[in-house]
Every structure is written in C-alpha cells, then in structure tokens.
Amino acid sequence: KGWPEQAPFERIIVTAAPPQVPGALVDQLREEGILVLPVGRSARDQQLLRVRRDRDGKVSEEVLAPVRFVPLVEGLPDDGYRRAQSGPAIAAARRDLS
C-alpha cells in the first residue's frame, strides 16, 4: 500500500519481499524517483531490484543482486498481536530499556 497520502516520494526502500513489484509503490514515486526492494516468491528465488521513474514517467527495473529477505505480508496485525505488544510484560521490558 505504501503511504499514498504523502506521495510522491523521491526514494522508497522496502525491507521485506513481495512476490512482484507492487504497482502502488511505483505509482508513489515522483519523477526521477527510486524504489529499492527485494522481490521473489520464495527466499531462495529473490532479487534486489532498483526501480526508477524517469522525467517522462517511464519506469525501468535493474537487478542488483540475489538476496534473502522475509516475505512481505499484506494487511495489519490482528488484535491479539496488538494486545500482546501493549501488555504488562512489554511495558516492563520498555521500562528496563529506558
């Protein structure tokens, strides 16, 4: 999804691998913008790509290197995850870190 309300962006970096380049992120690049992301259906078949949008709006892709990233997961965490992140154990751990 990205952050369409704040687009366009000069640079976007993605740190989890979708199976293909998300069109929504490419759409959020400004002219001469660059998107860097891992792409691949499995951790054994991923490539780091640099996607560029030129002044005329033409988009090009360049393979930079083979990589292994965690898969990009769509959606938001469920309520149980959010409750766990705000529970007493998490609050205590945060106090210990400060």
PDB file of N, CA and C in Angstrom:
ATOM      1  N   LYS A   1       0.825  -1.192   0.000  1.00  0.00           N
ATOM      2  CA  LYS A   1       0.000   0.000   0.000  1.00  0.00           C
ATOM      3  C   LYS A   1       0.862   1.245   0.000  1.00  0.00           C
ATOM      4  N   GLY A   2       1.930   1.255   0.800  1.00  0.00           N
ATOM      5  CA  GLY A   2       2.744   2.459   0.872  1.00  0.00           C
ATOM      6  C   GLY A   2       2.071   3.523   1.719  1.00  0.00           C
ATOM      7  N   TRP A   3       2.256   4.765   1.305  1.00  0.00           N
ATOM      8  CA  TRP A   3       1.682   5.910   2.036  1.00  0.00           C
ATOM      9  C   TRP A   3       1.190   6.921   1.014  1.00  0.00           C
ATOM     10  N   PRO A   4       0.118   6.604   0.303  1.00  0.00           N
ATOM     11  CA  PRO A   4      -0.328   7.446  -0.805  1.00  0.00           C
ATOM     12  C   PRO A   4      -0.668   8.878  -0.399  1.00  0.00           C
ATOM     13  N   GLU A   5      -1.055   9.071   0.851  1.00  0.00           N
ATOM     14  CA  GLU A   5      -1.411  10.423   1.305  1.00  0.00           C
ATOM     15  C   GLU A   5      -0.203  11.364   1.308  1.00  0.00           C
ATOM     16  N   GLN A   6       0.997  10.824   1.388  1.00  0.00           N
ATOM     17  CA  GLN A   6       2.213  11.634   1.436  1.00  0.00           C
ATOM     18  C   GLN A   6       2.994  11.620   0.111  1.00  0.00           C
ATOM     19  N   ALA A   7       2.532  10.872  -0.865  1.00  0.00           N
ATOM     20  CA  ALA A   7       3.230  10.742  -2.147  1.00  0.00           C
ATOM     21  C   ALA A   7       3.162  12.056  -2.922  1.00  0.00           C
ATOM     22  N   PRO A   8       4.088  12.286  -3.833  1.00  0.00           N
ATOM     23  CA  PRO A   8       5.094  11.369  -4.356  1.00  0.00           C
ATOM     24  C   PRO A   8       6.387  11.411  -3.532  1.00  0.00           C
ATOM     25  N   PHE A   9       7.160  10.318  -3.620  1.00  0.00           N
ATOM     26  CA  PHE A   9       8.400  10.176  -2.881  1.00  0.00           C
ATOM     27  C   PHE A   9       9.598  10.154  -3.833  1.00  0.00           C
ATOM     28  N   GLU A  10      10.707  10.723  -3.376  1.00  0.00           N
ATOM     29  CA  GLU A  10      11.959  10.663  -4.135  1.00  0.00           C
ATOM     30  C   GLU A  10      12.583   9.281  -4.020  1.00  0.00           C
ATOM     31  N   ARG A  11      12.497   8.698  -2.821  1.00  0.00           N
ATOM     32  CA  ARG A  11      13.098   7.402  -2.562  1.00  0.00           C
ATOM     33  C   ARG A  11      12.156   6.549  -1.720  1.00  0.00           C
ATOM     34  N   ILE A  12      12.084   5.259  -2.037  1.00  0.00           N
ATOM     35  CA  ILE A  12      11.324   4.285  -1.246  1.00  0.00           C
ATOM     36  C   ILE A  12      12.210   3.062  -1.099  1.00  0.00           C
ATOM     37  N   ILE A  13      12.323   2.543   0.131  1.00  0.00           N
ATOM     38  CA  ILE A  13      13.040   1.291   0.350  1.00  0.00           C
ATOM     39  C   ILE A  13      12.097   0.333   1.066  1.00  0.00           C
ATOM     40  N   VAL A  14      12.073  -0.900   0.611  1.00  0.00           N
ATOM     41  CA  VAL A  14      11.219  -1.935   1.182  1.00  0.00           C
ATOM     42  C   VAL A  14      12.140  -3.007   1.749  1.00  0.00           C
ATOM     43  N   THR A  15      11.864  -3.457   2.969  1.00  0.00           N
ATOM     44  CA  THR A  15      12.764  -4.408   3.637  1.00  0.00           C
ATOM     45  C   THR A  15      12.137  -5.781   3.859  1.00  0.00           C
ATOM     46  N   ALA A  16      11.125  -6.093   3.079  1.00  0.00           N
ATOM     47  CA  ALA A  16      10.530  -7.433   3.047  1.00  0.00           C
ATOM     48  C   ALA A  16      10.130  -7.688   1.593  1.00  0.00           C
ATOM     49  N   ALA A  17      10.138  -8.944   1.185  1.00  0.00           N
ATOM     50  CA  ALA A  17       9.997  -9.275  -0.233  1.00  0.00           C
ATOM     51  C   ALA A  17       8.568  -9.591  -0.651  1.00  0.00           C
ATOM     52  N   PRO A  18       7.976  -8.766  -1.515  1.00  0.00           N
ATOM     53  CA  PRO A  18       6.715  -9.149  -2.145  1.00  0.00           C
ATOM     54  C   PRO A  18       7.015 -10.089  -3.321  1.00  0.00           C
ATOM     55  N   PRO A  19       6.019 -10.830  -3.798  1.00  0.00           N
ATOM     56  CA  PRO A  19       6.261 -11.736  -4.927  1.00  0.00           C
ATOM     57  C   PRO A  19       6.555 -10.995  -6.230  1.00  0.00           C
ATOM     58  N   GLN A  20       6.084  -9.755  -6.341  1.00  0.00           N
ATOM     59  CA  GLN A  20       6.329  -8.918  -7.520  1.00  0.00           C
ATOM     60  C   GLN A  20       6.365  -7.463  -7.085  1.00  0.00           C
ATOM     61  N   VAL A  21       6.846  -6.594  -7.935  1.00  0.00           N
ATOM     62  CA  VAL A  21       6.927  -5.172  -7.600  1.00  0.00           C
ATOM     63  C   VAL A  21       5.509  -4.633  -7.429  1.00  0.00           C
ATOM     64  N   PRO A  22       5.194  -4.066  -6.247  1.00  0.00           N
ATOM     65  CA  PRO A  22       3.850  -3.524  -6.023  1.00  0.00           C
ATOM     66  C   PRO A  22       3.616  -2.262  -6.859  1.00  0.00           C
ATOM     67  N   GLY A  23       2.614  -2.320  -7.710  1.00  0.00           N
ATOM     68  CA  GLY A  23       2.276  -1.169  -8.543  1.00  0.00           C
ATOM     69  C   GLY A  23       1.955   0.071  -7.723  1.00  0.00           C
ATOM     70  N   ALA A  24       1.353  -0.124  -6.543  1.00  0.00           N
ATOM     71  CA  ALA A  24       1.006   1.023  -5.699  1.00  0.00           C
ATOM     72  C   ALA A  24       2.252   1.794  -5.282  1.00  0.00           C
ATOM     73  N   LEU A  25       3.371   1.081  -5.047  1.00  0.00           N
ATOM     74  CA  LEU A  25       4.605   1.775  -4.666  1.00  0.00           C
ATOM     75  C   LEU A  25       5.229   2.489  -5.855  1.00  0.00           C
ATOM     76  N   VAL A  26       5.200   1.861  -7.010  1.00  0.00           N
ATOM     77  CA  VAL A  26       5.721   2.507  -8.217  1.00  0.00           C
ATOM     78  C   VAL A  26       4.918   3.775  -8.499  1.00  0.00           C
ATOM     79  N   ASP A  27       3.614   3.705  -8.319  1.00  0.00           N
ATOM     80  CA  ASP A  27       2.750   4.873  -8.543  1.00  0.00           C
ATOM     81  C   ASP A  27       3.086   6.028  -7.606  1.00  0.00           C
ATOM     82  N   GLN A  28       3.691   5.718  -6.454  1.00  0.00           N
ATOM     83  CA  GLN A  28       4.003   6.756  -5.474  1.00  0.00           C
ATOM     84  C   GLN A  28       5.377   7.395  -5.687  1.00  0.00           C
ATOM     85  N   LEU A  29       6.125   6.927  -6.688  1.00  0.00           N
ATOM     86  CA  LEU A  29       7.419   7.536  -6.996  1.00  0.00           C
ATOM     87  C   LEU A  29       7.229   8.821  -7.783  1.00  0.00           C
ATOM     88  N   ARG A  30       7.999   9.830  -7.428  1.00  0.00           N
ATOM     89  CA  ARG A  30       7.980  11.062  -8.211  1.00  0.00           C
ATOM     90  C   ARG A  30       8.873  10.886  -9.433  1.00  0.00           C
ATOM     91  N   GLU A  31       8.889  11.858 -10.325  1.00  0.00           N
ATOM     92  CA  GLU A  31       9.804  11.813 -11.453  1.00  0.00           C
ATOM     93  C   GLU A  31      11.226  11.744 -10.920  1.00  0.00           C
ATOM     94  N   GLU A  32      12.039  10.904 -11.529  1.00  0.00           N
ATOM     95  CA  GLU A  32      13.418  10.642 -11.124  1.00  0.00           C
ATOM     96  C   GLU A  32      13.506   9.971  -9.755  1.00  0.00           C
ATOM     97  N   GLY A  33      12.400   9.351  -9.299  1.00  0.00           N
ATOM     98  CA  GLY A  33      12.384   8.631  -8.030  1.00  0.00           C
ATOM     99  C   GLY A  33      12.954   7.236  -8.167  1.00  0.00           C
ATOM    100  N   ILE A  34      13.378   6.687  -7.026  1.00  0.00           N
ATOM    101  CA  ILE A  34      13.976   5.352  -7.000  1.00  0.00           C
ATOM    102  C   ILE A  34      13.322   4.523  -5.898  1.00  0.00           C
ATOM    103  N   LEU A  35      12.969   3.300  -6.240  1.00  0.00           N
ATOM    104  CA  LEU A  35      12.420   2.310  -5.318  1.00  0.00           C
ATOM    105  C   LEU A  35      13.400   1.148  -5.271  1.00  0.00           C
ATOM    106  N   VAL A  36      13.850   0.770  -4.063  1.00  0.00           N
ATOM    107  CA  VAL A  36      14.744  -0.378  -3.911  1.00  0.00           C
ATOM    108  C   VAL A  36      14.021  -1.405  -3.060  1.00  0.00           C
ATOM    109  N   LEU A  37      13.946  -2.647  -3.551  1.00  0.00           N
ATOM    110  CA  LEU A  37      13.228  -3.680  -2.817  1.00  0.00           C
ATOM    111  C   LEU A  37      13.652  -5.067  -3.258  1.00  0.00           C
ATOM    112  N   PRO A  38      13.541  -6.035  -2.327  1.00  0.00           N
ATOM    113  CA  PRO A  38      13.724  -7.434  -2.704  1.00  0.00           C
ATOM    114  C   PRO A  38      12.416  -7.939  -3.309  1.00  0.00           C
ATOM    115  N   VAL A  39      12.510  -8.781  -4.322  1.00  0.00           N
ATOM    116  CA  VAL A  39      11.309  -9.330  -4.967  1.00  0.00           C
ATOM    117  C   VAL A  39      11.524 -10.813  -5.216  1.00  0.00           C
ATOM    118  N   GLY A  40      10.512 -11.619  -4.894  1.00  0.00           N
ATOM    119  CA  GLY A  40      10.579 -13.046  -5.174  1.00  0.00           C
ATOM    120  C   GLY A  40       9.547 -13.811  -4.384  1.00  0.00           C
ATOM    121  N   ARG A  41       9.103 -14.918  -4.943  1.00  0.00           N
ATOM    122  CA  ARG A  41       8.068 -15.731  -4.300  1.00  0.00           C
ATOM    123  C   ARG A  41       8.596 -16.568  -3.149  1.00  0.00           C
ATOM    124  N   SER A  42       9.891 -16.881  -3.151  1.00  0.00           N
ATOM    125  CA  SER A  42      10.467 -17.649  -2.045  1.00  0.00           C
ATOM    126  C   SER A  42      11.824 -17.057  -1.690  1.00  0.00           C
ATOM    127  N   ALA A  43      12.306 -17.356  -0.485  1.00  0.00           N
ATOM    128  CA  ALA A  43      13.591 -16.819  -0.037  1.00  0.00           C
ATOM    129  C   ALA A  43      14.742 -17.303  -0.917  1.00  0.00           C
ATOM    130  N   ARG A  44      14.554 -18.419  -1.608  1.00  0.00           N
ATOM    131  CA  ARG A  44      15.612 -18.946  -2.474  1.00  0.00           C
ATOM    132  C   ARG A  44      15.601 -18.353  -3.866  1.00  0.00           C
ATOM    133  N   ASP A  45      14.596 -17.566  -4.167  1.00  0.00           N
ATOM    134  CA  ASP A  45      14.465 -17.008  -5.513  1.00  0.00           C
ATOM    135  C   ASP A  45      14.119 -15.523  -5.435  1.00  0.00           C
ATOM    136  N   GLN A  46      14.944 -14.743  -4.747  1.00  0.00           N
ATOM    137  CA  GLN A  46      14.706 -13.312  -4.608  1.00  0.00           C
ATOM    138  C   GLN A  46      15.844 -12.520  -5.242  1.00  0.00           C
ATOM    139  N   GLN A  47      15.487 -11.373  -5.774  1.00  0.00           N
ATOM    140  CA  GLN A  47      16.442 -10.447  -6.359  1.00  0.00           C
ATOM    141  C   GLN A  47      16.225  -9.066  -5.740  1.00  0.00           C
ATOM    142  N   LEU A  48      17.308  -8.356  -5.494  1.00  0.00           N
ATOM    143  CA  LEU A  48      17.204  -6.967  -5.075  1.00  0.00           C
ATOM    144  C   LEU A  48      17.082  -6.133  -6.337  1.00  0.00           C
ATOM    145  N   LEU A  49      16.016  -5.348  -6.417  1.00  0.00           N
ATOM    146  CA  LEU A  49      15.756  -4.539  -7.605  1.00  0.00           C
ATOM    147  C   LEU A  49      15.861  -3.054  -7.291  1.00  0.00           C
ATOM    148  N   ARG A  50      16.293  -2.305  -8.305  1.00  0.00           N
ATOM    149  CA  ARG A  50      16.203  -0.848  -8.264  1.00  0.00           C
ATOM    150  C   ARG A  50      15.228  -0.460  -9.372  1.00  0.00           C
ATOM    151  N   VAL A  51      14.139   0.179  -8.979  1.00  0.00           N
ATOM    152  CA  VAL A  51      13.108   0.618  -9.917  1.00  0.00           C
ATOM    153  C   VAL A  51      13.220   2.130 -10.015  1.00  0.00           C
ATOM    154  N   ARG A  52      13.322   2.644 -11.231  1.00  0.00           N
ATOM    155  CA  ARG A  52      13.452   4.091 -11.447  1.00  0.00           C
ATOM    156  C   ARG A  52      12.305   4.605 -12.305  1.00  0.00           C
ATOM    157  N   ARG A  53      11.867   5.813 -11.973  1.00  0.00           N
ATOM    158  CA  ARG A  53      10.900   6.525 -12.815  1.00  0.00           C
ATOM    159  C   ARG A  53      11.649   7.724 -13.395  1.00  0.00           C
ATOM    160  N   ASP A  54      11.700   7.825 -14.715  1.00  0.00           N
ATOM    161  CA  ASP A  54      12.446   8.927 -15.320  1.00  0.00           C
ATOM    162  C   ASP A  54      11.576  10.182 -15.436  1.00  0.00           C
ATOM    163  N   ARG A  55      12.138  11.228 -16.013  1.00  0.00           N
ATOM    164  CA  ARG A  55      11.426  12.518 -16.133  1.00  0.00           C
ATOM    165  C   ARG A  55      10.142  12.412 -16.943  1.00  0.00           C
ATOM    166  N   ASP A  56      10.118  11.456 -17.867  1.00  0.00           N
ATOM    167  CA  ASP A  56       8.935  11.280 -18.714  1.00  0.00           C
ATOM    168  C   ASP A  56       7.921  10.313 -18.109  1.00  0.00           C
ATOM    169  N   GLY A  57       8.215   9.799 -16.906  1.00  0.00           N
ATOM    170  CA  GLY A  57       7.309   8.867 -16.250  1.00  0.00           C
ATOM    171  C   GLY A  57       7.564   7.412 -16.608  1.00  0.00           C
ATOM    172  N   LYS A  58       8.543   7.150 -17.489  1.00  0.00           N
ATOM    173  CA  LYS A  58       8.867   5.768 -17.868  1.00  0.00           C
ATOM    174  C   LYS A  58       9.538   5.070 -16.684  1.00  0.00           C
ATOM    175  N   VAL A  59       9.134   3.813 -16.436  1.00  0.00           N
ATOM    176  CA  VAL A  59       9.650   3.041 -15.315  1.00  0.00           C
ATOM    177  C   VAL A  59      10.587   1.952 -15.836  1.00  0.00           C
ATOM    178  N   SER A  60      11.752   1.821 -15.191  1.00  0.00           N
ATOM    179  CA  SER A  60      12.697   0.769 -15.551  1.00  0.00           C
ATOM    180  C   SER A  60      13.115   0.018 -14.293  1.00  0.00           C
ATOM    181  N   GLU A  61      13.495  -1.245 -14.467  1.00  0.00           N
ATOM    182  CA  GLU A  61      13.938  -2.095 -13.359  1.00  0.00           C
ATOM    183  C   GLU A  61      15.354  -2.575 -13.638  1.00  0.00           C
ATOM    184  N   GLU A  62      16.157  -2.638 -12.570  1.00  0.00           N
ATOM    185  CA  GLU A  62      17.518  -3.147 -12.666  1.00  0.00           C
ATOM    186  C   GLU A  62      17.744  -4.150 -11.538  1.00  0.00           C
ATOM    187  N   VAL A  63      18.213  -5.357 -11.881  1.00  0.00           N
ATOM    188  CA  VAL A  63      18.532  -6.363 -10.869  1.00  0.00           C
ATOM    189  C   VAL A  63      19.901  -6.020 -10.295  1.00  0.00           C
ATOM    190  N   LEU A  64      19.964  -5.896  -8.950  1.00  0.00           N
ATOM    191  CA  LEU A  64      21.215  -5.534  -8.290  1.00  0.00           C
ATOM    192  C   LEU A  64      21.964  -6.754  -7.754  1.00  0.00           C
ATOM    193  N   ALA A  65      21.228  -7.708  -7.144  1.00  0.00           N
ATOM    194  CA  ALA A  65      21.909  -8.857  -6.532  1.00  0.00           C
ATOM    195  C   ALA A  65      20.883  -9.883  -6.077  1.00  0.00           C
ATOM    196  N   PRO A  66      21.298 -11.152  -5.971  1.00  0.00           N
ATOM    197  CA  PRO A  66      20.427 -12.142  -5.324  1.00  0.00           C
ATOM    198  C   PRO A  66      20.437 -11.872  -3.815  1.00  0.00           C
ATOM    199  N   VAL A  67      19.275 -12.026  -3.172  1.00  0.00           N
ATOM    200  CA  VAL A  67      19.144 -11.738  -1.738  1.00  0.00           C
ATOM    201  C   VAL A  67      18.188 -12.720  -1.085  1.00  0.00           C
ATOM    202  N   ARG A  68      18.117 -12.658   0.252  1.00  0.00           N
ATOM    203  CA  ARG A  68      17.131 -13.419   1.027  1.00  0.00           C
ATOM    204  C   ARG A  68      16.545 -12.510   2.085  1.00  0.00           C
ATOM    205  N   PHE A  69      15.260 -12.211   1.953  1.00  0.00           N
ATOM    206  CA  PHE A  69      14.521 -11.381   2.895  1.00  0.00           C
ATOM    207  C   PHE A  69      13.286 -12.133   3.365  1.00  0.00           C
ATOM    208  N   VAL A  70      12.708 -11.684   4.456  1.00  0.00           N
ATOM    209  CA  VAL A  70      11.426 -12.234   4.895  1.00  0.00           C
ATOM    210  C   VAL A  70      10.363 -11.820   3.894  1.00  0.00           C
ATOM    211  N   PRO A  71       9.282 -12.586   3.765  1.00  0.00           N
ATOM    212  CA  PRO A  71       8.218 -12.208   2.823  1.00  0.00           C
ATOM    213  C   PRO A  71       7.439 -10.993   3.328  1.00  0.00           C
ATOM    214  N   LEU A  72       6.976 -10.197   2.400  1.00  0.00           N
ATOM    215  CA  LEU A  72       6.105  -9.071   2.722  1.00  0.00           C
ATOM    216  C   LEU A  72       4.707  -9.615   2.950  1.00  0.00           C
ATOM    217  N   VAL A  73       4.095  -9.260   4.073  1.00  0.00           N
ATOM    218  CA  VAL A  73       2.775  -9.748   4.443  1.00  0.00           C
ATOM    219  C   VAL A  73       1.788  -8.595   4.314  1.00  0.00           C
ATOM    220  N   GLU A  74       0.688  -8.841   3.638  1.00  0.00           N
ATOM    221  CA  GLU A  74      -0.331  -7.806   3.472  1.00  0.00           C
ATOM    222  C   GLU A  74      -1.164  -7.653   4.729  1.00  0.00           C
ATOM    223  N   GLY A  75      -1.742  -6.481   4.911  1.00  0.00           N
ATOM    224  CA  GLY A  75      -2.683  -6.246   5.998  1.00  0.00           C
ATOM    225  C   GLY A  75      -2.025  -5.765   7.272  1.00  0.00           C
ATOM    226  N   LEU A  76      -2.805  -5.790   8.337  1.00  0.00           N
ATOM    227  CA  LEU A  76      -2.380  -5.331   9.650  1.00  0.00           C
ATOM    228  C   LEU A  76      -2.357  -6.493  10.614  1.00  0.00           C
ATOM    229  N   PRO A  77      -1.563  -6.389  11.689  1.00  0.00           N
ATOM    230  CA  PRO A  77      -1.591  -7.451  12.696  1.00  0.00           C
ATOM    231  C   PRO A  77      -2.988  -7.573  13.306  1.00  0.00           C
ATOM    232  N   ASP A  78      -3.335  -8.771  13.737  1.00  0.00           N
ATOM    233  CA  ASP A  78      -4.653  -8.938  14.354  1.00  0.00           C
ATOM    234  C   ASP A  78      -4.663  -8.330  15.750  1.00  0.00           C
ATOM    235  N   ASP A  79      -5.837  -8.245  16.355  1.00  0.00           N
ATOM    236  CA  ASP A  79      -5.985  -7.616  17.667  1.00  0.00           C
ATOM    237  C   ASP A  79      -5.165  -8.322  18.737  1.00  0.00           C
ATOM    238  N   GLY A  80      -5.020  -9.635  18.666  1.00  0.00           N
ATOM    239  CA  GLY A  80      -4.236 -10.360  19.656  1.00  0.00           C
ATOM    240  C   GLY A  80      -2.786  -9.913  19.659  1.00  0.00           C
ATOM    241  N   TYR A  81      -2.257  -9.646  18.479  1.00  0.00           N
ATOM    242  CA  TYR A  81      -0.887  -9.164  18.379  1.00  0.00           C
ATOM    243  C   TYR A  81      -0.766  -7.785  19.023  1.00  0.00           C
ATOM    244  N   ARG A  82      -1.714  -6.910  18.725  1.00  0.00           N
ATOM    245  CA  ARG A  82      -1.667  -5.556  19.302  1.00  0.00           C
ATOM    246  C   ARG A  82      -1.787  -5.599  20.818  1.00  0.00           C
ATOM    247  N   ARG A  83      -2.636  -6.468  21.344  1.00  0.00           N
ATOM    248  CA  ARG A  83      -2.758  -6.590  22.806  1.00  0.00           C
ATOM    249  C   ARG A  83      -1.460  -7.097  23.403  1.00  0.00           C
ATOM    250  N   ALA A  84      -0.828  -8.069  22.752  1.00  0.00           N
ATOM    251  CA  ALA A  84       0.433  -8.616  23.264  1.00  0.00           C
ATOM    252  C   ALA A  84       1.523  -7.550  23.272  1.00  0.00           C
ATOM    253  N   GLN A  85       1.506  -6.667  22.295  1.00  0.00           N
ATOM    254  CA  GLN A  85       2.521  -5.621  22.220  1.00  0.00           C
ATOM    255  C   GLN A  85       2.319  -4.532  23.262  1.00  0.00           C
ATOM    256  N   SER A  86       1.159  -4.481  23.885  1.00  0.00           N
ATOM    257  CA  SER A  86       0.906  -3.442  24.887  1.00  0.00           C
ATOM    258  C   SER A  86       0.673  -4.027  26.275  1.00  0.00           C
ATOM    259  N   GLY A  87       0.897  -5.325  26.454  1.00  0.00           N
ATOM    260  CA  GLY A  87       0.649  -5.998  27.730  1.00  0.00           C
ATOM    261  C   GLY A  87       1.686  -5.645  28.788  1.00  0.00           C
ATOM    262  N   PRO A  88       1.497  -6.154  30.016  1.00  0.00           N
ATOM    263  CA  PRO A  88       2.386  -5.840  31.131  1.00  0.00           C
ATOM    264  C   PRO A  88       3.843  -6.245  30.897  1.00  0.00           C
ATOM    265  N   ALA A  89       4.083  -7.378  30.252  1.00  0.00           N
ATOM    266  CA  ALA A  89       5.467  -7.814  30.018  1.00  0.00           C
ATOM    267  C   ALA A  89       6.188  -6.847  29.081  1.00  0.00           C
ATOM    268  N   ILE A  90       5.481  -6.375  28.072  1.00  0.00           N
ATOM    269  CA  ILE A  90       6.087  -5.419  27.142  1.00  0.00           C
ATOM    270  C   ILE A  90       6.354  -4.101  27.854  1.00  0.00           C
ATOM    271  N   ALA A  91       5.410  -3.647  28.659  1.00  0.00           N
ATOM    272  CA  ALA A  91       5.602  -2.401  29.407  1.00  0.00           C
ATOM    273  C   ALA A  91       6.814  -2.514  30.331  1.00  0.00           C
ATOM    274  N   ALA A  92       6.978  -3.656  31.002  1.00  0.00           N
ATOM    275  CA  ALA A  92       8.126  -3.850  31.882  1.00  0.00           C
ATOM    276  C   ALA A  92       9.433  -3.852  31.086  1.00  0.00           C
ATOM    277  N   ALA A  93       9.434  -4.502  29.933  1.00  0.00           N
ATOM    278  CA  ALA A  93      10.635  -4.535  29.105  1.00  0.00           C
ATOM    279  C   ALA A  93      10.998  -3.135  28.632  1.00  0.00           C
ATOM    280  N   ARG A  94      10.007  -2.340  28.295  1.00  0.00           N
ATOM    281  CA  ARG A  94      10.275  -0.975  27.854  1.00  0.00           C
ATOM    282  C   ARG A  94      10.872  -0.147  28.982  1.00  0.00           C
ATOM    283  N   ARG A  95      10.375  -0.362  30.211  1.00  0.00           N
ATOM    284  CA  ARG A  95      10.935   0.362  31.356  1.00  0.00           C
ATOM    285  C   ARG A  95      12.392  -0.029  31.573  1.00  0.00           C
ATOM    286  N   ASP A  96      12.697  -1.325  31.403  1.00  0.00           N
ATOM    287  CA  ASP A  96      14.064  -1.805  31.602  1.00  0.00           C
ATOM    288  C   ASP A  96      15.019  -1.208  30.577  1.00  0.00           C
ATOM    289  N   LEU A  97      14.510  -0.921  29.383  1.00  0.00           N
ATOM    290  CA  LEU A  97      15.364  -0.382  28.308  1.00  0.00           C
ATOM    291  C   LEU A  97      15.621   1.110  28.470  1.00  0.00           C
ATOM    292  N   SER A  98      14.765   1.778  29.205  1.00  0.00           N
ATOM    293  CA  SER A  98      14.940   3.239  29.322  1.00  0.00           C
ATOM    294  C   SER A  98      15.853   3.643  30.462  1.00  0.00           C
TER     295      SER A  98
END
